[in-house]
Amino acid sequence: MCRNIKPLFNFEPPATGNEMHDAALQFVRKISGYNTPSQANEAAFYEAVEEVEKTVRKLLRALETNAPPKDREIEAAKKRERNKLRFGT
């Protein structure tokens, strides 16, 4: 759906509250079509961000896996390498 929303599950260290908030904000921005809502829509917009963030936290607590946690630095390096191949230097 949105390239800027990153997977947050099964990483070491675990996703931070900031990362969950940023993902929720990006999701609501995408759904609403607003980068910054108008004053008339501001309350509904930020309420939706809070609700999505709560749902993300609940989901990440409930998910289970037998796979070992992924290392953030290694995954970031892989992403940089894929971007080099895709876009060049």
PDB file of N, CA and C in Angstrom:
ATOM      1  N   MET A   1       0.814  -1.181   0.000  1.00  0.00           N
ATOM      2  CA  MET A   1       0.000   0.000   0.000  1.00  0.00           C
ATOM      3  C   MET A   1       0.862   1.252   0.000  1.00  0.00           C
ATOM      4  N   CYS A   2       1.793   1.331   0.911  1.00  0.00           N
ATOM      5  CA  CYS A   2       2.617   2.534   0.995  1.00  0.00           C
ATOM      6  C   CYS A   2       4.057   2.107   1.234  1.00  0.00           C
ATOM      7  N   ARG A   3       4.935   2.543   0.397  1.00  0.00           N
ATOM      8  CA  ARG A   3       6.334   2.130   0.505  1.00  0.00           C
ATOM      9  C   ARG A   3       7.006   2.617   1.773  1.00  0.00           C
ATOM     10  N   ASN A   4       6.478   3.667   2.383  1.00  0.00           N
ATOM     11  CA  ASN A   4       7.127   4.236   3.564  1.00  0.00           C
ATOM     12  C   ASN A   4       6.765   3.521   4.854  1.00  0.00           C
ATOM     13  N   ILE A   5       5.788   2.638   4.825  1.00  0.00           N
ATOM     14  CA  ILE A   5       5.439   1.897   6.029  1.00  0.00           C
ATOM     15  C   ILE A   5       6.314   0.642   6.056  1.00  0.00           C
ATOM     16  N   LYS A   6       7.125   0.529   7.102  1.00  0.00           N
ATOM     17  CA  LYS A   6       8.080  -0.572   7.212  1.00  0.00           C
ATOM     18  C   LYS A   6       7.508  -1.672   8.099  1.00  0.00           C
ATOM     19  N   PRO A   7       7.900  -2.924   7.846  1.00  0.00           N
ATOM     20  CA  PRO A   7       7.518  -3.997   8.767  1.00  0.00           C
ATOM     21  C   PRO A   7       8.084  -3.692  10.155  1.00  0.00           C
ATOM     22  N   LEU A   8       7.300  -3.976  11.192  1.00  0.00           N
ATOM     23  CA  LEU A   8       7.715  -3.686  12.561  1.00  0.00           C
ATOM     24  C   LEU A   8       7.816  -4.938  13.426  1.00  0.00           C
ATOM     25  N   PHE A   9       7.340  -6.062  12.924  1.00  0.00           N
ATOM     26  CA  PHE A   9       7.287  -7.279  13.723  1.00  0.00           C
ATOM     27  C   PHE A   9       8.569  -8.089  13.607  1.00  0.00           C
ATOM     28  N   ASN A  10       8.965  -8.672  14.718  1.00  0.00           N
ATOM     29  CA  ASN A  10      10.071  -9.622  14.810  1.00  0.00           C
ATOM     30  C   ASN A  10      11.419  -8.994  14.489  1.00  0.00           C
ATOM     31  N   PHE A  11      11.687  -7.856  15.097  1.00  0.00           N
ATOM     32  CA  PHE A  11      12.987  -7.207  14.963  1.00  0.00           C
ATOM     33  C   PHE A  11      13.635  -7.102  16.325  1.00  0.00           C
ATOM     34  N   GLU A  12      14.946  -7.090  16.314  1.00  0.00           N
ATOM     35  CA  GLU A  12      15.718  -6.883  17.535  1.00  0.00           C
ATOM     36  C   GLU A  12      16.601  -5.671  17.313  1.00  0.00           C
ATOM     37  N   PRO A  13      16.472  -4.628  18.051  1.00  0.00           N
ATOM     38  CA  PRO A  13      15.517  -4.410  19.130  1.00  0.00           C
ATOM     39  C   PRO A  13      14.102  -4.225  18.577  1.00  0.00           C
ATOM     40  N   PRO A  14      13.104  -4.447  19.432  1.00  0.00           N
ATOM     41  CA  PRO A  14      11.711  -4.341  18.990  1.00  0.00           C
ATOM     42  C   PRO A  14      11.360  -2.923  18.521  1.00  0.00           C
ATOM     43  N   ALA A  15      10.273  -2.824  17.794  1.00  0.00           N
ATOM     44  CA  ALA A  15       9.804  -1.526  17.300  1.00  0.00           C
ATOM     45  C   ALA A  15       9.560  -0.572  18.465  1.00  0.00           C
ATOM     46  N   THR A  16       9.921   0.670  18.251  1.00  0.00           N
ATOM     47  CA  THR A  16       9.728   1.688  19.283  1.00  0.00           C
ATOM     48  C   THR A  16       8.344   2.316  19.142  1.00  0.00           C
ATOM     49  N   GLY A  17       7.930   3.012  20.167  1.00  0.00           N
ATOM     50  CA  GLY A  17       6.670   3.729  20.120  1.00  0.00           C
ATOM     51  C   GLY A  17       6.657   4.753  19.001  1.00  0.00           C
ATOM     52  N   ASN A  18       7.801   5.369  18.767  1.00  0.00           N
ATOM     53  CA  ASN A  18       7.917   6.342  17.679  1.00  0.00           C
ATOM     54  C   ASN A  18       7.670   5.690  16.319  1.00  0.00           C
ATOM     55  N   GLU A  19       8.247   4.518  16.112  1.00  0.00           N
ATOM     56  CA  GLU A  19       8.063   3.812  14.839  1.00  0.00           C
ATOM     57  C   GLU A  19       6.602   3.422  14.639  1.00  0.00           C
ATOM     58  N   MET A  20       5.948   2.988  15.714  1.00  0.00           N
ATOM     59  CA  MET A  20       4.532   2.630  15.615  1.00  0.00           C
ATOM     60  C   MET A  20       3.688   3.861  15.306  1.00  0.00           C
ATOM     61  N   HIS A  21       4.000   4.975  15.965  1.00  0.00           N
ATOM     62  CA  HIS A  21       3.270   6.213  15.708  1.00  0.00           C
ATOM     63  C   HIS A  21       3.472   6.671  14.259  1.00  0.00           C
ATOM     64  N   ASP A  22       4.720   6.626  13.787  1.00  0.00           N
ATOM     65  CA  ASP A  22       5.019   7.052  12.420  1.00  0.00           C
ATOM     66  C   ASP A  22       4.282   6.192  11.394  1.00  0.00           C
ATOM     67  N   ALA A  23       4.219   4.885  11.632  1.00  0.00           N
ATOM     68  CA  ALA A  23       3.491   3.999  10.721  1.00  0.00           C
ATOM     69  C   ALA A  23       1.998   4.325  10.736  1.00  0.00           C
ATOM     70  N   ALA A  24       1.445   4.579  11.921  1.00  0.00           N
ATOM     71  CA  ALA A  24       0.030   4.931  12.030  1.00  0.00           C
ATOM     72  C   ALA A  24      -0.249   6.251  11.323  1.00  0.00           C
ATOM     73  N   LEU A  25       0.611   7.227  11.518  1.00  0.00           N
ATOM     74  CA  LEU A  25       0.448   8.524  10.868  1.00  0.00           C
ATOM     75  C   LEU A  25       0.504   8.382   9.349  1.00  0.00           C
ATOM     76  N   GLN A  26       1.462   7.616   8.847  1.00  0.00           N
ATOM     77  CA  GLN A  26       1.596   7.418   7.402  1.00  0.00           C
ATOM     78  C   GLN A  26       0.357   6.717   6.846  1.00  0.00           C
ATOM     79  N   PHE A  27      -0.159   5.749   7.571  1.00  0.00           N
ATOM     80  CA  PHE A  27      -1.349   5.027   7.142  1.00  0.00           C
ATOM     81  C   PHE A  27      -2.552   5.969   7.046  1.00  0.00           C
ATOM     82  N   VAL A  28      -2.769   6.768   8.076  1.00  0.00           N
ATOM     83  CA  VAL A  28      -3.905   7.700   8.085  1.00  0.00           C
ATOM     84  C   VAL A  28      -3.732   8.761   7.000  1.00  0.00           C
ATOM     85  N   ARG A  29      -2.512   9.217   6.784  1.00  0.00           N
ATOM     86  CA  ARG A  29      -2.269  10.165   5.696  1.00  0.00           C
ATOM     87  C   ARG A  29      -2.662   9.559   4.351  1.00  0.00           C
ATOM     88  N   LYS A  30      -2.275   8.327   4.145  1.00  0.00           N
ATOM     89  CA  LYS A  30      -2.568   7.663   2.876  1.00  0.00           C
ATOM     90  C   LYS A  30      -4.074   7.487   2.691  1.00  0.00           C
ATOM     91  N   ILE A  31      -4.751   7.028   3.732  1.00  0.00           N
ATOM     92  CA  ILE A  31      -6.189   6.773   3.654  1.00  0.00           C
ATOM     93  C   ILE A  31      -6.959   8.073   3.455  1.00  0.00           C
ATOM     94  N   SER A  32      -6.584   9.115   4.201  1.00  0.00           N
ATOM     95  CA  SER A  32      -7.340  10.371   4.159  1.00  0.00           C
ATOM     96  C   SER A  32      -6.988  11.236   2.957  1.00  0.00           C
ATOM     97  N   GLY A  33      -5.792  11.064   2.442  1.00  0.00           N
ATOM     98  CA  GLY A  33      -5.341  11.916   1.353  1.00  0.00           C
ATOM     99  C   GLY A  33      -4.754  13.230   1.843  1.00  0.00           C
ATOM    100  N   TYR A  34      -4.646  13.396   3.160  1.00  0.00           N
ATOM    101  CA  TYR A  34      -4.088  14.621   3.740  1.00  0.00           C
ATOM    102  C   TYR A  34      -2.686  14.368   4.257  1.00  0.00           C
ATOM    103  N   ASN A  35      -1.773  15.278   3.936  1.00  0.00           N
ATOM    104  CA  ASN A  35      -0.481  15.260   4.604  1.00  0.00           C
ATOM    105  C   ASN A  35      -0.631  15.977   5.941  1.00  0.00           C
ATOM    106  N   THR A  36      -1.327  17.102   5.901  1.00  0.00           N
ATOM    107  CA  THR A  36      -1.689  17.862   7.087  1.00  0.00           C
ATOM    108  C   THR A  36      -3.177  18.183   6.958  1.00  0.00           C
ATOM    109  N   PRO A  37      -3.989  17.772   7.921  1.00  0.00           N
ATOM    110  CA  PRO A  37      -5.433  17.994   7.784  1.00  0.00           C
ATOM    111  C   PRO A  37      -5.818  19.459   7.995  1.00  0.00           C
ATOM    112  N   SER A  38      -6.958  19.832   7.453  1.00  0.00           N
ATOM    113  CA  SER A  38      -7.493  21.171   7.702  1.00  0.00           C
ATOM    114  C   SER A  38      -7.941  21.259   9.157  1.00  0.00           C
ATOM    115  N   GLN A  39      -8.176  22.469   9.622  1.00  0.00           N
ATOM    116  CA  GLN A  39      -8.632  22.640  11.008  1.00  0.00           C
ATOM    117  C   GLN A  39      -9.939  21.895  11.246  1.00  0.00           C
ATOM    118  N   ALA A  40     -10.800  21.873  10.249  1.00  0.00           N
ATOM    119  CA  ALA A  40     -12.094  21.206  10.386  1.00  0.00           C
ATOM    120  C   ALA A  40     -11.932  19.696  10.575  1.00  0.00           C
ATOM    121  N   ASN A  41     -10.877  19.125  10.011  1.00  0.00           N
ATOM    122  CA  ASN A  41     -10.667  17.670  10.066  1.00  0.00           C
ATOM    123  C   ASN A  41      -9.564  17.247  11.020  1.00  0.00           C
ATOM    124  N   GLU A  42      -8.923  18.201  11.653  1.00  0.00           N
ATOM    125  CA  GLU A  42      -7.754  17.907  12.496  1.00  0.00           C
ATOM    126  C   GLU A  42      -8.070  16.929  13.632  1.00  0.00           C
ATOM    127  N   ALA A  43      -9.159  17.142  14.356  1.00  0.00           N
ATOM    128  CA  ALA A  43      -9.489  16.275  15.498  1.00  0.00           C
ATOM    129  C   ALA A  43      -9.731  14.842  15.041  1.00  0.00           C
ATOM    130  N   ALA A  44     -10.500  14.669  13.982  1.00  0.00           N
ATOM    131  CA  ALA A  44     -10.785  13.323  13.472  1.00  0.00           C
ATOM    132  C   ALA A  44      -9.516  12.652  12.965  1.00  0.00           C
ATOM    133  N   PHE A  45      -8.661  13.416  12.294  1.00  0.00           N
ATOM    134  CA  PHE A  45      -7.417  12.896  11.746  1.00  0.00           C
ATOM    135  C   PHE A  45      -6.520  12.344  12.856  1.00  0.00           C
ATOM    136  N   TYR A  46      -6.279  13.161  13.897  1.00  0.00           N
ATOM    137  CA  TYR A  46      -5.375  12.730  14.954  1.00  0.00           C
ATOM    138  C   TYR A  46      -5.994  11.665  15.855  1.00  0.00           C
ATOM    139  N   GLU A  47      -7.307  11.662  15.969  1.00  0.00           N
ATOM    140  CA  GLU A  47      -7.975  10.572  16.695  1.00  0.00           C
ATOM    141  C   GLU A  47      -7.774   9.256  15.950  1.00  0.00           C
ATOM    142  N   ALA A  48      -7.867   9.301  14.634  1.00  0.00           N
ATOM    143  CA  ALA A  48      -7.634   8.098  13.825  1.00  0.00           C
ATOM    144  C   ALA A  48      -6.194   7.615  13.982  1.00  0.00           C
ATOM    145  N   VAL A  49      -5.238   8.540  14.008  1.00  0.00           N
ATOM    146  CA  VAL A  49      -3.829   8.162  14.202  1.00  0.00           C
ATOM    147  C   VAL A  49      -3.669   7.429  15.531  1.00  0.00           C
ATOM    148  N   GLU A  50      -4.276   7.952  16.594  1.00  0.00           N
ATOM    149  CA  GLU A  50      -4.192   7.311  17.915  1.00  0.00           C
ATOM    150  C   GLU A  50      -4.810   5.922  17.898  1.00  0.00           C
ATOM    151  N   GLU A  51      -5.960   5.778  17.257  1.00  0.00           N
ATOM    152  CA  GLU A  51      -6.635   4.479  17.209  1.00  0.00           C
ATOM    153  C   GLU A  51      -5.812   3.452  16.422  1.00  0.00           C
ATOM    154  N   VAL A  52      -5.264   3.880  15.302  1.00  0.00           N
ATOM    155  CA  VAL A  52      -4.433   2.972  14.497  1.00  0.00           C
ATOM    156  C   VAL A  52      -3.191   2.580  15.284  1.00  0.00           C
ATOM    157  N   GLU A  53      -2.586   3.533  15.978  1.00  0.00           N
ATOM    158  CA  GLU A  53      -1.395   3.228  16.779  1.00  0.00           C
ATOM    159  C   GLU A  53      -1.721   2.206  17.875  1.00  0.00           C
ATOM    160  N   LYS A  54      -2.857   2.364  18.541  1.00  0.00           N
ATOM    161  CA  LYS A  54      -3.277   1.380  19.561  1.00  0.00           C
ATOM    162  C   LYS A  54      -3.435   0.002  18.947  1.00  0.00           C
ATOM    163  N   THR A  55      -4.024  -0.036  17.757  1.00  0.00           N
ATOM    164  CA  THR A  55      -4.227  -1.318  17.077  1.00  0.00           C
ATOM    165  C   THR A  55      -2.897  -1.948  16.686  1.00  0.00           C
ATOM    166  N   VAL A  56      -1.960  -1.131  16.242  1.00  0.00           N
ATOM    167  CA  VAL A  56      -0.621  -1.635  15.886  1.00  0.00           C
ATOM    168  C   VAL A  56       0.050  -2.238  17.118  1.00  0.00           C
ATOM    169  N   ARG A  57      -0.005  -1.530  18.241  1.00  0.00           N
ATOM    170  CA  ARG A  57       0.600  -2.048  19.480  1.00  0.00           C
ATOM    171  C   ARG A  57      -0.029  -3.387  19.874  1.00  0.00           C
ATOM    172  N   LYS A  58      -1.354  -3.438  19.815  1.00  0.00           N
ATOM    173  CA  LYS A  58      -2.076  -4.665  20.166  1.00  0.00           C
ATOM    174  C   LYS A  58      -1.677  -5.815  19.237  1.00  0.00           C
ATOM    175  N   LEU A  59      -1.608  -5.535  17.953  1.00  0.00           N
ATOM    176  CA  LEU A  59      -1.227  -6.557  16.979  1.00  0.00           C
ATOM    177  C   LEU A  59       0.187  -7.069  17.238  1.00  0.00           C
ATOM    178  N   LEU A  60       1.134  -6.162  17.427  1.00  0.00           N
ATOM    179  CA  LEU A  60       2.522  -6.591  17.628  1.00  0.00           C
ATOM    180  C   LEU A  60       2.688  -7.403  18.912  1.00  0.00           C
ATOM    181  N   ARG A  61       1.902  -7.089  19.947  1.00  0.00           N
ATOM    182  CA  ARG A  61       1.954  -7.890  21.182  1.00  0.00           C
ATOM    183  C   ARG A  61       1.368  -9.285  20.965  1.00  0.00           C
ATOM    184  N   ALA A  62       0.371  -9.402  20.091  1.00  0.00           N
ATOM    185  CA  ALA A  62      -0.335 -10.669  19.911  1.00  0.00           C
ATOM    186  C   ALA A  62       0.356 -11.613  18.928  1.00  0.00           C
ATOM    187  N   LEU A  63       1.128 -11.078  17.992  1.00  0.00           N
ATOM    188  CA  LEU A  63       1.758 -11.928  16.981  1.00  0.00           C
ATOM    189  C   LEU A  63       2.811 -12.836  17.603  1.00  0.00           C
ATOM    190  N   GLU A  64       2.907 -14.038  17.057  1.00  0.00           N
ATOM    191  CA  GLU A  64       3.906 -15.014  17.506  1.00  0.00           C
ATOM    192  C   GLU A  64       4.651 -15.561  16.306  1.00  0.00           C
ATOM    193  N   THR A  65       5.890 -15.946  16.530  1.00  0.00           N
ATOM    194  CA  THR A  65       6.677 -16.566  15.481  1.00  0.00           C
ATOM    195  C   THR A  65       7.744 -17.456  16.103  1.00  0.00           C
ATOM    196  N   ASN A  66       8.159 -18.451  15.343  1.00  0.00           N
ATOM    197  CA  ASN A  66       9.283 -19.300  15.759  1.00  0.00           C
ATOM    198  C   ASN A  66      10.581 -18.838  15.104  1.00  0.00           C
ATOM    199  N   ALA A  67      10.466 -17.898  14.174  1.00  0.00           N
ATOM    200  CA  ALA A  67      11.645 -17.390  13.473  1.00  0.00           C
ATOM    201  C   ALA A  67      12.466 -16.509  14.412  1.00  0.00           C
ATOM    202  N   PRO A  68      13.776 -16.564  14.263  1.00  0.00           N
ATOM    203  CA  PRO A  68      14.608 -15.690  15.098  1.00  0.00           C
ATOM    204  C   PRO A  68      14.386 -14.234  14.705  1.00  0.00           C
ATOM    205  N   PRO A  69      14.520 -13.303  15.651  1.00  0.00           N
ATOM    206  CA  PRO A  69      14.339 -11.891  15.324  1.00  0.00           C
ATOM    207  C   PRO A  69      15.359 -11.423  14.292  1.00  0.00           C
ATOM    208  N   LYS A  70      14.916 -10.532  13.412  1.00  0.00           N
ATOM    209  CA  LYS A  70      15.801  -9.963  12.398  1.00  0.00           C
ATOM    210  C   LYS A  70      16.571  -8.800  13.018  1.00  0.00           C
ATOM    211  N   ASP A  71      17.807  -8.653  12.590  1.00  0.00           N
ATOM    212  CA  ASP A  71      18.655  -7.564  13.060  1.00  0.00           C
ATOM    213  C   ASP A  71      18.381  -6.329  12.203  1.00  0.00           C
ATOM    214  N   ARG A  72      18.069  -5.226  12.838  1.00  0.00           N
ATOM    215  CA  ARG A  72      17.722  -3.996  12.112  1.00  0.00           C
ATOM    216  C   ARG A  72      18.848  -3.521  11.197  1.00  0.00           C
ATOM    217  N   GLU A  73      20.075  -3.595  11.681  1.00  0.00           N
ATOM    218  CA  GLU A  73      21.207  -3.110  10.883  1.00  0.00           C
ATOM    219  C   GLU A  73      21.419  -3.969   9.639  1.00  0.00           C
ATOM    220  N   ILE A  74      21.307  -5.268   9.791  1.00  0.00           N
ATOM    221  CA  ILE A  74      21.482  -6.170   8.648  1.00  0.00           C
ATOM    222  C   ILE A  74      20.379  -5.931   7.628  1.00  0.00           C
ATOM    223  N   GLU A  75      19.135  -5.791   8.085  1.00  0.00           N
ATOM    224  CA  GLU A  75      18.010  -5.548   7.176  1.00  0.00           C
ATOM    225  C   GLU A  75      18.160  -4.201   6.474  1.00  0.00           C
ATOM    226  N   ALA A  76      18.655  -3.188   7.179  1.00  0.00           N
ATOM    227  CA  ALA A  76      18.876  -1.867   6.574  1.00  0.00           C
ATOM    228  C   ALA A  76      19.961  -1.953   5.496  1.00  0.00           C
ATOM    229  N   ALA A  77      21.008  -2.735   5.766  1.00  0.00           N
ATOM    230  CA  ALA A  77      22.078  -2.907   4.782  1.00  0.00           C
ATOM    231  C   ALA A  77      21.556  -3.611   3.539  1.00  0.00           C
ATOM    232  N   LYS A  78      20.717  -4.623   3.724  1.00  0.00           N
ATOM    233  CA  LYS A  78      20.122  -5.320   2.577  1.00  0.00           C
ATOM    234  C   LYS A  78      19.276  -4.359   1.745  1.00  0.00           C
ATOM    235  N   LYS A  79      18.519  -3.509   2.426  1.00  0.00           N
ATOM    236  CA  LYS A  79      17.672  -2.542   1.720  1.00  0.00           C
ATOM    237  C   LYS A  79      18.521  -1.548   0.926  1.00  0.00           C
ATOM    238  N   ARG A  80      19.612  -1.080   1.536  1.00  0.00           N
ATOM    239  CA  ARG A  80      20.497  -0.162   0.820  1.00  0.00           C
ATOM    240  C   ARG A  80      21.080  -0.823  -0.425  1.00  0.00           C
ATOM    241  N   GLU A  81      21.452  -2.086  -0.303  1.00  0.00           N
ATOM    242  CA  GLU A  81      22.016  -2.823  -1.443  1.00  0.00           C
ATOM    243  C   GLU A  81      20.973  -2.994  -2.556  1.00  0.00           C
ATOM    244  N   ARG A  82      19.737  -3.330  -2.171  1.00  0.00           N
ATOM    245  CA  ARG A  82      18.657  -3.444  -3.177  1.00  0.00           C
ATOM    246  C   ARG A  82      18.431  -2.107  -3.871  1.00  0.00           C
ATOM    247  N   ASN A  83      18.480  -1.026  -3.107  1.00  0.00           N
ATOM    248  CA  ASN A  83      18.294   0.308  -3.703  1.00  0.00           C
ATOM    249  C   ASN A  83      19.412   0.668  -4.654  1.00  0.00           C
ATOM    250  N   LYS A  84      20.644   0.266  -4.323  1.00  0.00           N
ATOM    251  CA  LYS A  84      21.772   0.506  -5.235  1.00  0.00           C
ATOM    252  C   LYS A  84      21.543  -0.199  -6.562  1.00  0.00           C
ATOM    253  N   LEU A  85      21.118  -1.466  -6.485  1.00  0.00           N
ATOM    254  CA  LEU A  85      20.860  -2.227  -7.702  1.00  0.00           C
ATOM    255  C   LEU A  85      19.698  -1.634  -8.493  1.00  0.00           C
ATOM    256  N   ARG A  86      18.716  -1.156  -7.796  1.00  0.00           N
ATOM    257  CA  ARG A  86      17.519  -0.625  -8.459  1.00  0.00           C
ATOM    258  C   ARG A  86      17.755   0.770  -9.035  1.00  0.00           C
ATOM    259  N   PHE A  87      18.382   1.646  -8.265  1.00  0.00           N
ATOM    260  CA  PHE A  87      18.508   3.035  -8.657  1.00  0.00           C
ATOM    261  C   PHE A  87      19.917   3.459  -9.038  1.00  0.00           C
ATOM    262  N   GLY A  88      20.895   2.590  -8.836  1.00  0.00           N
ATOM    263  CA  GLY A  88      22.285   2.966  -9.100  1.00  0.00           C
ATOM    264  C   GLY A  88      22.877   3.689  -7.907  1.00  0.00           C
ATOM    265  N   THR A  89      24.094   4.178  -8.041  1.00  0.00           N
ATOM    266  CA  THR A  89      24.765   4.834  -6.913  1.00  0.00           C
ATOM    267  C   THR A  89      24.316   6.207  -6.628  1.00  0.00           C
TER     268      THR A  89
END
